[in-house]
Amino acid sequence: MSIQDRSVYLLGLCWPALLGLTPGLSAGGQVYMTRTLALQRAFPEAKSFLERRHVLAKKEKAILEKKLQRKLAERGYLCWLALDAKDRPLGFVVMTAEVGRTEPFFLMLALDCKGSLRHIDVLEYREPRGSEVRHQTFLRRFRGVDRQNVIRKLRRMPVIPGATLSCHAVNRAVKKALVLHEIYLQQSQKKGAAHKLLDVFRRAKARRVPVPTKKPSKRKPKPKGTGQGARSAGHAERTSFRQPAMGDVVFVDLASPQPETRMREILSVISTVEQQLSPRIAGSLTARANALGEGERLDLDSWPLGALAIQAAWTGSEDSSCRFSPVPGRSRPDLAFQLIEQGRVLHRVGPGDLDPGAFGKGFAADLLVSALDAAGISWTAAGFRSSFVLADPGGPHVAISTSGNQQRGAHIRDPRTGASILRSDQVQVMARTAIEAEIWSTAWFVEDDTVDPSI
């Protein structure tokens, strides 16, 4: 069975859940929210919804497959029309499923009446990896996509490292929702998109679903003051913090509880590094550097943290005898860029793009550790899943980084030859700093022979 046939088969098993014929979505997945909550998030101003269990006719399915240029196994969809207090349409919502790497996951997509994407939520995810697609930091990028700009916008849509196939699945779901909306508009002779949608749902005898109202709390109000009752959610104390960042998850494990607001301020250093280094963010150091023409220069004073990271990467490339290079496909980074004027200016001298993927997380983890130490916070571990630092009360901290192809496939190249490394093993390195461990784990994975651990 081919990959495409398997995807069609798996989605065919999901059609009862898509039509709301089962009490839940499916078995074995991680459920993040209910359909009711997703509807309220998509249209918080709605007072009610018209719910339609739409079983596709053969002609409708043929049109859908022709426009999407792929086979569909689903027999129908559960759709909603959001209404305000005067029963005026606010927008259209559809629940669908797509296959990521090997398993299907469920999404709800909301469009305004004219067909512009408004909101996306992932209801359930089944894959062991790639669940980062559920975060709004990724999903909000699809807002404003419509039938006129869908090809241009989805082509430029960035993907999350380690969740590439799931990101492409979200793209397919967006195209499907836009085509369904277009089919609905073609089924009515009324004027105006809102009137057309309302006409289609009423003719289909859609069921009205009221928005659940919150019941008043019977608890007595908490006393004001400095006691425990006055502590807000932002001041809640925790010993562990997790949040998505840089295509991964950054974490901090503390030796003693700390206020959440204080930790959020310290974790903001990760966002600063991402803003300065991510090639997907317009205006970042990496994006500006890769856009340089040969002979052009870039002053690094506007990106102080990014400049420090690049200087450390250049030093790591020299120390590793170019087994590590921040410029993929170039044995030496100075064949593409040169650091001049005491590392304050980047000079483009040849082809090649800067890629912070092999040193950015290590640099960010070191900055996070420095911020924790400067704030006097006692911690036990901090960093990312593949590059983190362990605290040692009796001596210097220990950084650990792992490089290999077990999780993401053959994504590491030998900078001296440009060839992908196909081995399935991995290398784990301990060093004084996270960026040092990350650079050397990549360098040692590239090196075929055994490297002396004393380097």
Protein backbone atom coordinates (compact mmCIF):
# COMPACT_ATOMS: atom_id res chain seq x y z
CA MET A 1 0.00 0.00 0.00
CA SER A 2 1.44 3.37 -1.03
CA ILE A 3 1.70 6.30 1.38
CA GLN A 4 -1.13 8.13 -0.42
CA ASP A 5 -3.38 5.05 -0.37
CA ARG A 6 -2.65 4.53 3.34
CA SER A 7 -3.58 8.16 4.09
CA VAL A 8 -6.87 7.73 2.21
CA TYR A 9 -7.54 4.50 4.12
CA LEU A 10 -6.84 6.11 7.53
CA LEU A 11 -9.03 9.12 6.77
CA GLY A 12 -11.75 6.74 5.67
CA LEU A 13 -11.78 5.33 9.19
CA CYS A 14 -12.32 8.83 10.62
CA TRP A 15 -15.52 9.73 8.77
CA PRO A 16 -17.93 8.73 11.63
CA ALA A 17 -16.11 11.14 13.97
CA LEU A 18 -16.09 13.87 11.32
CA LEU A 19 -19.87 13.60 11.07
CA GLY A 20 -20.28 13.59 14.84
CA LEU A 21 -21.60 10.02 14.85
CA THR A 22 -19.26 8.96 17.67
CA PRO A 23 -19.20 10.38 21.22
CA GLY A 24 -15.50 11.24 20.96
CA LEU A 25 -13.02 11.83 18.20
CA SER A 26 -10.96 8.64 18.18
CA ALA A 27 -9.09 6.32 20.49
CA GLY A 28 -5.46 6.65 21.40
CA GLY A 29 -4.90 10.35 20.64
CA GLN A 30 -4.12 13.31 22.84
CA VAL A 31 -7.30 15.42 23.00
CA TYR A 32 -6.60 19.13 23.50
CA MET A 33 -10.11 20.59 23.38
CA THR A 34 -13.76 19.81 22.63
CA ARG A 35 -15.73 20.95 19.61
CA THR A 36 -17.74 23.33 21.80
CA LEU A 37 -14.62 25.06 23.10
CA ALA A 38 -13.17 25.33 19.59
CA LEU A 39 -16.39 26.99 18.35
CA GLN A 40 -16.26 29.53 21.17
CA ARG A 41 -12.60 30.27 20.43
CA ALA A 42 -13.32 30.75 16.73
CA PHE A 43 -16.35 33.04 17.22
CA PRO A 44 -16.46 34.36 20.81
CA GLU A 45 -19.10 36.93 19.80
CA ALA A 46 -21.52 34.27 18.49
CA LYS A 47 -24.80 33.69 20.36
CA SER A 48 -25.69 30.42 18.61
CA PHE A 49 -24.59 28.06 15.84
CA LEU A 50 -26.38 26.16 13.10
CA GLU A 51 -24.90 22.66 12.98
CA ARG A 52 -25.08 20.66 9.75
CA ARG A 53 -24.07 17.02 9.39
CA HIS A 54 -23.13 17.23 5.71
CA VAL A 55 -22.96 13.86 3.92
CA LEU A 56 -21.26 14.44 0.57
CA ALA A 57 -23.18 13.55 -2.57
CA LYS A 58 -21.19 11.85 -5.35
CA LYS A 59 -21.23 15.04 -7.42
CA GLU A 60 -20.05 17.16 -4.47
CA LYS A 61 -17.24 14.72 -3.70
CA ALA A 62 -16.14 14.67 -7.33
CA ILE A 63 -16.01 18.48 -7.42
CA LEU A 64 -14.07 18.54 -4.15
CA GLU A 65 -11.53 15.98 -5.37
CA LYS A 66 -11.11 17.79 -8.68
CA LYS A 67 -10.43 21.14 -7.04
CA LEU A 68 -8.05 19.62 -4.45
CA GLN A 69 -6.42 17.32 -7.03
CA ARG A 70 -6.36 14.34 -4.68
CA LYS A 71 -8.51 11.43 -3.53
CA LEU A 72 -10.73 11.89 -0.49
CA ALA A 73 -11.95 9.09 1.76
CA GLU A 74 -14.22 11.22 3.95
CA ARG A 75 -17.94 10.76 3.32
CA GLY A 76 -18.89 14.04 4.92
CA TYR A 77 -18.13 16.77 7.40
CA LEU A 78 -19.59 18.42 10.46
CA CYS A 79 -20.10 22.12 9.68
CA TRP A 80 -21.38 25.11 11.63
CA LEU A 81 -22.65 28.58 10.83
CA ALA A 82 -21.99 31.14 13.58
CA LEU A 83 -24.86 33.56 14.28
CA ASP A 84 -25.08 36.76 16.30
CA ALA A 85 -27.95 37.79 18.58
CA LYS A 86 -30.07 38.84 15.53
CA ASP A 87 -29.37 35.58 13.65
CA ARG A 88 -27.00 37.28 11.23
CA PRO A 89 -24.21 34.99 9.95
CA LEU A 90 -20.73 35.64 11.31
CA GLY A 91 -18.78 32.86 9.64
CA PHE A 92 -18.39 29.23 8.65
CA VAL A 93 -16.67 26.43 10.64
CA VAL A 94 -15.76 22.92 9.47
CA MET A 95 -14.16 19.98 11.26
CA THR A 96 -11.83 17.84 9.19
CA ALA A 97 -8.98 15.35 9.56
CA GLU A 98 -5.61 14.99 7.85
CA VAL A 99 -2.75 12.49 8.11
CA GLY A 100 0.58 13.80 9.38
CA ARG A 101 3.39 11.25 9.20
CA THR A 102 1.46 8.04 9.87
CA GLU A 103 -1.67 8.94 11.88
CA PRO A 104 -4.69 11.22 11.32
CA PHE A 105 -5.39 14.24 13.50
CA PHE A 106 -8.50 16.42 13.80
CA LEU A 107 -8.76 20.16 13.14
CA MET A 108 -11.48 22.81 13.18
CA LEU A 109 -11.11 25.69 10.75
CA ALA A 110 -13.16 28.91 10.89
CA LEU A 111 -13.69 31.29 7.97
CA ASP A 112 -15.58 34.55 7.75
CA CYS A 113 -18.57 34.72 5.41
CA LYS A 114 -16.45 35.91 2.47
CA GLY A 115 -14.08 32.95 2.79
CA SER A 116 -11.04 34.40 4.56
CA LEU A 117 -9.50 32.08 7.17
CA ARG A 118 -10.10 33.36 10.69
CA HIS A 119 -9.00 30.70 13.18
CA ILE A 120 -7.65 27.12 13.39
CA ASP A 121 -7.59 24.73 16.35
CA VAL A 122 -6.17 21.21 16.59
CA LEU A 123 -8.63 19.09 18.58
CA GLU A 124 -6.67 15.85 18.77
CA TYR A 125 -3.18 14.70 17.80
CA ARG A 126 -1.98 11.09 17.65
CA GLU A 127 1.64 11.22 16.41
CA PRO A 128 4.53 10.78 18.88
CA ARG A 129 6.22 13.86 17.35
CA GLY A 130 5.04 17.01 15.66
CA SER A 131 2.38 18.14 18.14
CA GLU A 132 3.87 21.66 17.95
CA VAL A 133 1.43 22.31 15.07
CA ARG A 134 -1.33 22.78 17.65
CA HIS A 135 0.22 25.98 19.02
CA GLN A 136 -1.27 29.30 17.91
CA THR A 137 2.22 30.67 17.30
CA PHE A 138 2.13 28.48 14.18
CA LEU A 139 -1.59 28.37 13.38
CA ARG A 140 -2.14 32.13 13.51
CA ARG A 141 0.11 32.47 10.44
CA PHE A 142 -2.77 31.11 8.35
CA ARG A 143 -5.13 33.96 9.22
CA GLY A 144 -6.21 35.92 6.18
CA VAL A 145 -5.66 33.07 3.69
CA ASP A 146 -8.42 32.97 1.05
CA ARG A 147 -9.03 31.52 -2.42
CA GLN A 148 -7.17 34.39 -4.12
CA ASN A 149 -3.92 34.19 -2.13
CA VAL A 150 -3.90 30.57 -0.92
CA ILE A 151 -1.20 29.34 -3.32
CA ARG A 152 1.14 32.26 -2.69
CA LYS A 153 0.73 32.26 1.10
CA LEU A 154 0.96 28.51 1.64
CA ARG A 155 4.05 28.32 -0.55
CA ARG A 156 5.79 30.81 1.75
CA MET A 157 4.45 29.29 4.96
CA PRO A 158 7.34 28.19 7.25
CA VAL A 159 7.39 24.71 8.72
CA ILE A 160 8.30 23.53 12.21
CA PRO A 161 11.49 21.42 12.36
CA GLY A 162 10.53 17.88 13.31
CA ALA A 163 6.88 18.45 12.29
CA THR A 164 7.23 19.05 8.55
CA LEU A 165 4.65 16.48 7.44
CA SER A 166 2.12 17.70 10.02
CA CYS A 167 2.63 21.30 8.80
CA HIS A 168 1.90 20.15 5.24
CA ALA A 169 -1.22 18.38 6.56
CA VAL A 170 -2.47 21.69 8.01
CA ASN A 171 -1.90 23.26 4.58
CA ARG A 172 -4.08 20.57 3.00
CA ALA A 173 -6.80 21.14 5.61
CA VAL A 174 -6.81 24.88 4.85
CA LYS A 175 -7.24 24.24 1.11
CA LYS A 176 -10.07 21.78 1.85
CA ALA A 177 -11.93 24.29 4.06
CA LEU A 178 -11.65 27.01 1.40
CA VAL A 179 -13.03 24.71 -1.31
CA LEU A 180 -15.92 23.57 0.92
CA HIS A 181 -16.83 27.20 1.58
CA GLU A 182 -16.76 27.89 -2.16
CA ILE A 183 -19.04 24.90 -2.85
CA TYR A 184 -21.52 26.15 -0.24
CA LEU A 185 -21.69 29.57 -1.88
CA GLN A 186 -22.39 27.97 -5.26
CA GLN A 187 -25.39 26.10 -3.86
CA SER A 188 -27.51 29.23 -3.30
CA GLN A 189 -28.91 31.90 -5.61
CA LYS A 190 -29.11 34.53 -2.85
CA LYS A 191 -27.07 37.71 -3.04
CA GLY A 192 -24.17 38.17 -0.66
CA ALA A 193 -21.97 35.50 0.92
CA ALA A 194 -23.67 35.72 4.32
CA HIS A 195 -27.16 35.26 2.83
CA LYS A 196 -25.94 32.36 0.68
CA LEU A 197 -24.52 30.48 3.69
CA LEU A 198 -27.64 31.08 5.77
CA ASP A 199 -29.84 29.86 2.91
CA VAL A 200 -27.80 26.64 2.48
CA PHE A 201 -27.90 25.81 6.19
CA ARG A 202 -31.64 26.52 6.51
CA ARG A 203 -32.50 24.43 3.45
CA ALA A 204 -30.45 21.58 4.95
CA LYS A 205 -32.51 21.92 8.16
CA ALA A 206 -29.41 22.52 10.26
CA ARG A 207 -29.81 22.06 14.01
CA ARG A 208 -29.50 25.15 16.21
CA VAL A 209 -26.85 24.82 18.91
CA PRO A 210 -26.92 27.48 21.65
CA VAL A 211 -23.70 28.75 23.12
CA PRO A 212 -23.34 27.40 26.67
CA THR A 213 -23.44 30.13 29.29
CA LYS A 214 -21.15 30.09 32.28
CA LYS A 215 -22.93 29.35 35.53
CA PRO A 216 -22.30 31.87 38.32
CA SER A 217 -19.81 30.60 40.83
CA LYS A 218 -21.17 29.73 44.27
CA ARG A 219 -17.82 30.30 45.91
CA LYS A 220 -17.39 33.28 48.13
CA PRO A 221 -15.10 36.01 46.79
CA LYS A 222 -11.54 35.68 47.96
CA PRO A 223 -10.42 38.30 50.48
CA LYS A 224 -8.27 41.15 49.31
CA GLY A 225 -4.87 41.67 50.80
CA THR A 226 -1.52 39.97 50.81
CA GLY A 227 -2.69 36.51 51.86
CA GLN A 228 -2.93 33.41 49.74
CA GLY A 229 -6.48 34.27 48.70
CA ALA A 230 -5.30 37.40 46.91
CA ARG A 231 -2.71 35.58 44.79
CA SER A 232 -3.61 35.78 41.10
CA ALA A 233 -2.90 33.16 38.47
CA GLY A 234 0.04 35.20 37.17
CA HIS A 235 1.70 35.01 40.59
CA ALA A 236 1.18 31.26 41.03
CA GLU A 237 4.39 29.52 42.02
CA ARG A 238 5.67 26.53 40.08
CA THR A 239 8.81 24.39 40.00
CA SER A 240 8.67 23.49 36.29
CA PHE A 241 8.12 25.63 33.19
CA ARG A 242 7.65 24.58 29.55
CA GLN A 243 6.88 26.61 26.42
CA PRO A 244 7.40 26.13 22.64
CA ALA A 245 10.32 28.08 21.18
CA MET A 246 12.74 27.86 18.25
CA GLY A 247 10.96 24.86 16.75
CA ASP A 248 11.41 22.93 20.01
CA VAL A 249 10.35 23.15 23.65
CA VAL A 250 12.35 25.20 26.15
CA PHE A 251 12.13 24.06 29.77
CA VAL A 252 13.33 25.10 33.24
CA ASP A 253 13.25 22.82 36.29
CA LEU A 254 13.65 24.71 39.57
CA ALA A 255 14.94 23.62 42.97
CA SER A 256 12.28 25.78 44.68
CA PRO A 257 8.94 27.28 43.50
CA GLN A 258 9.06 30.64 41.72
CA PRO A 259 6.28 33.05 40.61
CA GLU A 260 5.14 32.43 37.06
CA THR A 261 5.39 36.10 36.10
CA ARG A 262 9.04 36.25 37.14
CA MET A 263 9.89 33.13 35.14
CA ARG A 264 8.11 34.42 32.05
CA GLU A 265 10.30 37.51 32.15
CA ILE A 266 13.44 35.36 32.29
CA LEU A 267 12.21 33.04 29.51
CA SER A 268 11.68 36.08 27.29
CA VAL A 269 15.41 35.95 26.51
CA ILE A 270 14.65 32.88 24.36
CA SER A 271 12.16 34.88 22.29
CA THR A 272 14.77 37.62 21.82
CA VAL A 273 17.29 35.11 20.48
CA GLU A 274 14.66 33.62 18.16
CA GLN A 275 13.74 37.06 16.83
CA GLN A 276 17.38 37.78 16.03
CA LEU A 277 18.44 34.39 14.63
CA SER A 278 15.42 32.69 13.03
CA PRO A 279 15.69 32.70 9.20
CA ARG A 280 11.87 32.58 9.01
CA ILE A 281 11.43 35.96 10.69
CA ALA A 282 11.73 38.94 8.37
CA GLY A 283 14.27 41.42 9.68
CA SER A 284 16.27 38.88 11.69
CA LEU A 285 20.04 38.85 11.40
CA THR A 286 19.96 35.53 9.54
CA ALA A 287 17.30 36.67 7.05
CA ARG A 288 19.13 39.93 6.37
CA ALA A 289 22.50 38.19 6.03
CA ASN A 290 21.17 35.59 3.58
CA ALA A 291 19.64 38.38 1.47
CA LEU A 292 23.02 40.11 1.01
CA GLY A 293 24.53 40.24 -2.47
CA GLU A 294 28.19 39.41 -3.03
CA GLY A 295 30.36 42.24 -1.75
CA GLU A 296 27.62 43.73 0.46
CA ARG A 297 28.05 44.22 4.21
CA LEU A 298 25.76 44.07 7.23
CA ASP A 299 26.37 45.98 10.47
CA LEU A 300 25.65 43.61 13.39
CA ASP A 301 25.12 46.29 16.06
CA SER A 302 21.32 45.98 15.66
CA TRP A 303 21.48 42.29 16.71
CA PRO A 304 23.86 42.12 19.70
CA LEU A 305 22.84 38.60 20.78
CA GLY A 306 22.83 37.29 17.21
CA ALA A 307 26.30 38.75 16.65
CA LEU A 308 27.63 36.92 19.73
CA ALA A 309 26.11 33.65 18.48
CA ILE A 310 27.68 34.00 15.04
CA GLN A 311 31.09 34.79 16.53
CA ALA A 312 30.85 31.66 18.69
CA ALA A 313 29.82 29.60 15.65
CA TRP A 314 32.79 30.87 13.63
CA THR A 315 35.13 29.97 16.49
CA GLY A 316 33.56 26.52 16.80
CA SER A 317 34.05 25.88 13.09
CA GLU A 318 37.76 26.68 13.34
CA ASP A 319 38.23 24.59 16.52
CA SER A 320 36.50 21.57 14.95
CA SER A 321 38.62 21.72 11.78
CA CYS A 322 35.47 22.56 9.77
CA ARG A 323 33.64 19.37 10.74
CA PHE A 324 31.02 21.85 11.89
CA SER A 325 30.01 24.81 9.73
CA PRO A 326 27.25 27.40 10.30
CA VAL A 327 26.96 27.66 6.49
CA PRO A 328 25.70 24.30 5.13
CA GLY A 329 27.45 23.14 1.98
CA ARG A 330 30.55 25.25 2.64
CA SER A 331 33.54 23.60 4.28
CA ARG A 332 34.55 26.96 5.78
CA PRO A 333 32.05 29.68 6.73
CA ASP A 334 34.47 32.41 5.62
CA LEU A 335 34.00 31.24 2.02
CA ALA A 336 30.48 32.69 2.22
CA PHE A 337 30.75 35.36 4.95
CA GLN A 338 33.63 37.08 6.67
CA LEU A 339 33.52 38.74 10.09
CA ILE A 340 35.41 42.01 9.86
CA GLU A 341 35.95 45.10 12.01
CA GLN A 342 36.38 43.03 15.18
CA GLY A 343 33.30 40.92 14.49
CA ARG A 344 30.92 43.88 14.18
CA VAL A 345 30.33 43.63 10.41
CA LEU A 346 29.36 40.63 8.27
CA HIS A 347 30.76 40.73 4.72
CA ARG A 348 29.30 38.53 1.96
CA VAL A 349 32.14 37.10 -0.15
CA GLY A 350 30.54 34.06 -1.83
CA PRO A 351 27.46 31.81 -2.15
CA GLY A 352 25.95 30.08 0.86
CA ASP A 353 23.29 30.75 3.50
CA LEU A 354 23.71 31.09 7.24
CA ASP A 355 21.86 28.37 9.20
CA PRO A 356 21.64 28.76 13.01
CA GLY A 357 20.02 25.33 13.43
CA ALA A 358 23.22 23.69 14.69
CA PHE A 359 24.16 26.34 17.28
CA GLY A 360 21.16 28.60 18.00
CA LYS A 361 19.55 26.45 20.71
CA GLY A 362 22.85 25.96 22.53
CA PHE A 363 23.47 29.71 22.53
CA ALA A 364 19.92 30.38 23.78
CA ALA A 365 20.28 27.75 26.54
CA ASP A 366 23.48 29.41 27.77
CA LEU A 367 21.77 32.81 27.87
CA LEU A 368 18.86 31.30 29.81
CA VAL A 369 21.22 29.79 32.37
CA SER A 370 23.05 33.12 32.74
CA ALA A 371 19.73 34.90 33.32
CA LEU A 372 18.72 32.37 35.99
CA ASP A 373 22.06 32.71 37.78
CA ALA A 374 21.96 36.52 37.60
CA ALA A 375 18.47 36.51 39.13
CA GLY A 376 19.64 34.29 42.00
CA ILE A 377 17.19 31.53 41.12
CA SER A 378 18.11 28.00 42.17
CA TRP A 379 17.53 25.59 39.26
CA THR A 380 18.38 21.99 38.39
CA ALA A 381 18.08 21.82 34.58
CA ALA A 382 17.35 24.27 31.77
CA GLY A 383 17.43 24.35 27.98
CA PHE A 384 15.91 22.38 25.11
CA ARG A 385 15.23 18.69 24.55
CA SER A 386 18.35 18.23 22.43
CA SER A 387 20.59 20.81 24.13
CA PHE A 388 20.32 21.54 27.85
CA VAL A 389 22.37 22.37 30.96
CA LEU A 390 22.44 20.57 34.32
CA ALA A 391 23.22 22.57 37.44
CA ASP A 392 26.08 21.38 39.65
CA PRO A 393 26.00 23.08 43.08
CA GLY A 394 29.54 21.96 43.83
CA GLY A 395 31.17 23.16 40.61
CA PRO A 396 30.61 24.43 37.07
CA HIS A 397 27.45 23.54 35.19
CA VAL A 398 27.41 20.61 32.75
CA ALA A 399 25.92 21.05 29.27
CA ILE A 400 24.68 18.08 27.23
CA SER A 401 23.81 18.06 23.53
CA THR A 402 22.69 15.25 21.22
CA SER A 403 23.08 15.05 17.43
CA GLY A 404 21.88 12.28 15.14
CA ASN A 405 19.35 11.14 12.57
CA GLN A 406 17.07 9.03 14.75
CA GLN A 407 14.34 11.64 15.19
CA ARG A 408 14.46 13.84 12.05
CA GLY A 409 16.01 11.54 9.48
CA ALA A 410 19.15 12.35 7.47
CA HIS A 411 19.28 16.13 8.03
CA ILE A 412 22.99 16.53 8.93
CA ARG A 413 25.54 17.10 6.15
CA ASP A 414 29.30 16.90 6.09
CA PRO A 415 30.34 20.52 5.42
CA ARG A 416 33.59 19.32 3.80
CA THR A 417 31.79 17.32 1.08
CA GLY A 418 28.16 18.51 1.20
CA ALA A 419 26.95 14.90 1.40
CA SER A 420 24.17 13.84 3.79
CA ILE A 421 25.20 11.50 6.60
CA LEU A 422 22.97 8.43 6.49
CA ARG A 423 24.02 6.71 9.72
CA SER A 424 21.21 6.03 12.20
CA ASP A 425 23.28 6.37 15.38
CA GLN A 426 23.64 9.49 17.52
CA VAL A 427 26.34 11.33 19.44
CA GLN A 428 25.95 12.88 22.89
CA VAL A 429 28.51 15.40 24.14
CA MET A 430 29.12 16.93 27.57
CA ALA A 431 30.83 20.32 27.73
CA ARG A 432 31.09 23.47 29.81
CA THR A 433 28.57 25.42 27.72
CA ALA A 434 25.55 24.37 25.67
CA ILE A 435 26.73 26.00 22.45
CA GLU A 436 30.07 24.24 22.79
CA ALA A 437 28.31 20.90 23.34
CA GLU A 438 25.99 21.49 20.38
CA ILE A 439 28.82 22.40 18.01
CA TRP A 440 30.96 19.42 19.05
CA SER A 441 28.08 16.91 18.97
CA THR A 442 27.53 17.88 15.32
CA ALA A 443 31.26 17.80 14.57
CA TRP A 444 31.75 14.38 16.15
CA PHE A 445 28.71 12.97 14.36
CA VAL A 446 30.20 14.19 11.07
CA GLU A 447 33.60 12.66 11.85
CA ASP A 448 33.77 9.01 10.83
CA ASP A 449 36.80 8.13 12.95
CA THR A 450 36.84 8.13 16.74
CA VAL A 451 37.60 11.59 18.10
CA ASP A 452 39.76 12.04 21.15
CA PRO A 453 37.40 13.06 24.03
CA SER A 454 40.07 15.36 25.44
CA ILE A 455 39.58 17.88 22.60
